[in-house]
Amino acid sequence: MAEHLPMPEFGPLAGVRVVFSGIEIAGPFAGQMFAEWGR
């Protein structure tokens, strides 16, 4: 297998971890907003 090389950290968000929870938070919230707005 190929060896994974570490990605260099740069930019204003260097070292910040991002947690994606779209299914648990944004999905139901967006569905509720569409229901309230008659979509």
PDB file of N, CA and C in Angstrom:
ATOM      1  N   MET A   1       0.835  -1.191   0.000  1.00  0.00           N
ATOM      2  CA  MET A   1       0.000   0.000   0.000  1.00  0.00           C
ATOM      3  C   MET A   1       0.875   1.249   0.000  1.00  0.00           C
ATOM      4  N   ALA A   2       0.286   2.327  -0.436  1.00  0.00           N
ATOM      5  CA  ALA A   2       1.006   3.597  -0.460  1.00  0.00           C
ATOM      6  C   ALA A   2       1.125   4.152   0.953  1.00  0.00           C
ATOM      7  N   GLU A   3       2.219   4.821   1.180  1.00  0.00           N
ATOM      8  CA  GLU A   3       2.444   5.422   2.489  1.00  0.00           C
ATOM      9  C   GLU A   3       1.762   6.788   2.533  1.00  0.00           C
ATOM     10  N   HIS A   4       1.028   7.059   3.605  1.00  0.00           N
ATOM     11  CA  HIS A   4       0.339   8.344   3.742  1.00  0.00           C
ATOM     12  C   HIS A   4       1.319   9.389   4.264  1.00  0.00           C
ATOM     13  N   LEU A   5       1.370  10.505   3.588  1.00  0.00           N
ATOM     14  CA  LEU A   5       2.239  11.592   4.010  1.00  0.00           C
ATOM     15  C   LEU A   5       1.444  12.583   4.842  1.00  0.00           C
ATOM     16  N   PRO A   6       2.037  13.128   5.900  1.00  0.00           N
ATOM     17  CA  PRO A   6       1.313  14.111   6.714  1.00  0.00           C
ATOM     18  C   PRO A   6       1.060  15.386   5.920  1.00  0.00           C
ATOM     19  N   MET A   7      -0.116  15.970   6.107  1.00  0.00           N
ATOM     20  CA  MET A   7      -0.462  17.210   5.418  1.00  0.00           C
ATOM     21  C   MET A   7       0.088  18.383   6.227  1.00  0.00           C
ATOM     22  N   PRO A   8       0.764  19.322   5.577  1.00  0.00           N
ATOM     23  CA  PRO A   8       1.301  20.467   6.318  1.00  0.00           C
ATOM     24  C   PRO A   8       0.175  21.356   6.841  1.00  0.00           C
ATOM     25  N   GLU A   9       0.372  21.876   8.048  1.00  0.00           N
ATOM     26  CA  GLU A   9      -0.628  22.769   8.637  1.00  0.00           C
ATOM     27  C   GLU A   9      -0.274  24.206   8.282  1.00  0.00           C
ATOM     28  N   PHE A  10      -1.254  24.932   7.735  1.00  0.00           N
ATOM     29  CA  PHE A  10      -1.042  26.327   7.378  1.00  0.00           C
ATOM     30  C   PHE A  10      -2.392  27.021   7.353  1.00  0.00           C
ATOM     31  N   GLY A  11      -2.381  28.329   7.348  1.00  0.00           N
ATOM     32  CA  GLY A  11      -3.607  29.113   7.272  1.00  0.00           C
ATOM     33  C   GLY A  11      -4.154  29.489   8.635  1.00  0.00           C
ATOM     34  N   PRO A  12      -5.232  30.289   8.645  1.00  0.00           N
ATOM     35  CA  PRO A  12      -5.786  30.794   9.907  1.00  0.00           C
ATOM     36  C   PRO A  12      -6.441  29.721  10.768  1.00  0.00           C
ATOM     37  N   LEU A  13      -6.835  28.597  10.181  1.00  0.00           N
ATOM     38  CA  LEU A  13      -7.479  27.536  10.959  1.00  0.00           C
ATOM     39  C   LEU A  13      -6.547  26.357  11.206  1.00  0.00           C
ATOM     40  N   ALA A  14      -5.265  26.579  11.141  1.00  0.00           N
ATOM     41  CA  ALA A  14      -4.301  25.505  11.363  1.00  0.00           C
ATOM     42  C   ALA A  14      -4.464  24.956  12.777  1.00  0.00           C
ATOM     43  N   GLY A  15      -4.589  23.662  12.894  1.00  0.00           N
ATOM     44  CA  GLY A  15      -4.722  23.020  14.196  1.00  0.00           C
ATOM     45  C   GLY A  15      -6.145  22.935  14.710  1.00  0.00           C
ATOM     46  N   VAL A  16      -7.115  23.479  13.990  1.00  0.00           N
ATOM     47  CA  VAL A  16      -8.512  23.441  14.419  1.00  0.00           C
ATOM     48  C   VAL A  16      -9.164  22.185  13.857  1.00  0.00           C
ATOM     49  N   ARG A  17      -9.841  21.434  14.705  1.00  0.00           N
ATOM     50  CA  ARG A  17     -10.551  20.242  14.247  1.00  0.00           C
ATOM     51  C   ARG A  17     -12.000  20.607  13.966  1.00  0.00           C
ATOM     52  N   VAL A  18     -12.551  20.023  12.913  1.00  0.00           N
ATOM     53  CA  VAL A  18     -13.926  20.284  12.517  1.00  0.00           C
ATOM     54  C   VAL A  18     -14.733  19.023  12.749  1.00  0.00           C
ATOM     55  N   VAL A  19     -15.872  19.163  13.417  1.00  0.00           N
ATOM     56  CA  VAL A  19     -16.767  18.036  13.658  1.00  0.00           C
ATOM     57  C   VAL A  19     -18.000  18.240  12.791  1.00  0.00           C
ATOM     58  N   PHE A  20     -18.276  17.289  11.909  1.00  0.00           N
ATOM     59  CA  PHE A  20     -19.439  17.378  11.032  1.00  0.00           C
ATOM     60  C   PHE A  20     -20.574  16.587  11.655  1.00  0.00           C
ATOM     61  N   SER A  21     -21.655  17.266  11.984  1.00  0.00           N
ATOM     62  CA  SER A  21     -22.817  16.582  12.558  1.00  0.00           C
ATOM     63  C   SER A  21     -24.077  17.027  11.832  1.00  0.00           C
ATOM     64  N   GLY A  22     -24.011  17.067  10.519  1.00  0.00           N
ATOM     65  CA  GLY A  22     -25.139  17.524   9.717  1.00  0.00           C
ATOM     66  C   GLY A  22     -26.369  16.658   9.849  1.00  0.00           C
ATOM     67  N   ILE A  23     -26.192  15.367  10.062  1.00  0.00           N
ATOM     68  CA  ILE A  23     -27.339  14.468  10.164  1.00  0.00           C
ATOM     69  C   ILE A  23     -28.073  14.693  11.480  1.00  0.00           C
ATOM     70  N   GLU A  24     -27.330  14.979  12.545  1.00  0.00           N
ATOM     71  CA  GLU A  24     -27.932  15.098  13.868  1.00  0.00           C
ATOM     72  C   GLU A  24     -28.492  16.490  14.152  1.00  0.00           C
ATOM     73  N   ILE A  25     -27.906  17.516  13.582  1.00  0.00           N
ATOM     74  CA  ILE A  25     -28.305  18.885  13.932  1.00  0.00           C
ATOM     75  C   ILE A  25     -28.911  19.614  12.740  1.00  0.00           C
ATOM     76  N   ALA A  26     -28.137  19.800  11.679  1.00  0.00           N
ATOM     77  CA  ALA A  26     -28.576  20.631  10.557  1.00  0.00           C
ATOM     78  C   ALA A  26     -29.714  19.996   9.780  1.00  0.00           C
ATOM     79  N   GLY A  27     -29.702  18.677   9.603  1.00  0.00           N
ATOM     80  CA  GLY A  27     -30.749  18.003   8.828  1.00  0.00           C
ATOM     81  C   GLY A  27     -32.136  18.217   9.403  1.00  0.00           C
ATOM     82  N   PRO A  28     -32.367  17.840  10.659  1.00  0.00           N
ATOM     83  CA  PRO A  28     -33.688  18.065  11.252  1.00  0.00           C
ATOM     84  C   PRO A  28     -34.057  19.549  11.348  1.00  0.00           C
ATOM     85  N   PHE A  29     -33.083  20.408  11.609  1.00  0.00           N
ATOM     86  CA  PHE A  29     -33.357  21.839  11.706  1.00  0.00           C
ATOM     87  C   PHE A  29     -33.798  22.388  10.358  1.00  0.00           C
ATOM     88  N   ALA A  30     -33.116  21.980   9.279  1.00  0.00           N
ATOM     89  CA  ALA A  30     -33.498  22.434   7.939  1.00  0.00           C
ATOM     90  C   ALA A  30     -34.884  21.925   7.579  1.00  0.00           C
ATOM     91  N   GLY A  31     -35.195  20.679   7.925  1.00  0.00           N
ATOM     92  CA  GLY A  31     -36.528  20.134   7.668  1.00  0.00           C
ATOM     93  C   GLY A  31     -37.608  20.904   8.398  1.00  0.00           C
ATOM     94  N   GLN A  32     -37.335  21.286   9.636  1.00  0.00           N
ATOM     95  CA  GLN A  32     -38.300  22.068  10.416  1.00  0.00           C
ATOM     96  C   GLN A  32     -38.498  23.444   9.785  1.00  0.00           C
ATOM     97  N   MET A  33     -37.413  24.077   9.346  1.00  0.00           N
ATOM     98  CA  MET A  33     -37.532  25.396   8.717  1.00  0.00           C
ATOM     99  C   MET A  33     -38.346  25.316   7.431  1.00  0.00           C
ATOM    100  N   PHE A  34     -38.103  24.294   6.596  1.00  0.00           N
ATOM    101  CA  PHE A  34     -38.879  24.141   5.370  1.00  0.00           C
ATOM    102  C   PHE A  34     -40.350  23.911   5.685  1.00  0.00           C
ATOM    103  N   ALA A  35     -40.643  23.141   6.726  1.00  0.00           N
ATOM    104  CA  ALA A  35     -42.035  22.882   7.096  1.00  0.00           C
ATOM    105  C   ALA A  35     -42.714  24.168   7.559  1.00  0.00           C
ATOM    106  N   GLU A  36     -42.005  24.968   8.348  1.00  0.00           N
ATOM    107  CA  GLU A  36     -42.581  26.218   8.840  1.00  0.00           C
ATOM    108  C   GLU A  36     -42.781  27.230   7.711  1.00  0.00           C
ATOM    109  N   TRP A  37     -41.919  27.199   6.713  1.00  0.00           N
ATOM    110  CA  TRP A  37     -42.003  28.142   5.606  1.00  0.00           C
ATOM    111  C   TRP A  37     -42.867  27.626   4.473  1.00  0.00           C
ATOM    112  N   GLY A  38     -43.489  26.466   4.633  1.00  0.00           N
ATOM    113  CA  GLY A  38     -44.412  25.945   3.641  1.00  0.00           C
ATOM    114  C   GLY A  38     -43.758  25.370   2.405  1.00  0.00           C
ATOM    115  N   ARG A  39     -42.587  24.801   2.528  1.00  0.00           N
ATOM    116  CA  ARG A  39     -41.899  24.208   1.369  1.00  0.00           C
ATOM    117  C   ARG A  39     -42.222  22.759   1.237  1.00  0.00           C
TER     118      ARG A  39
END
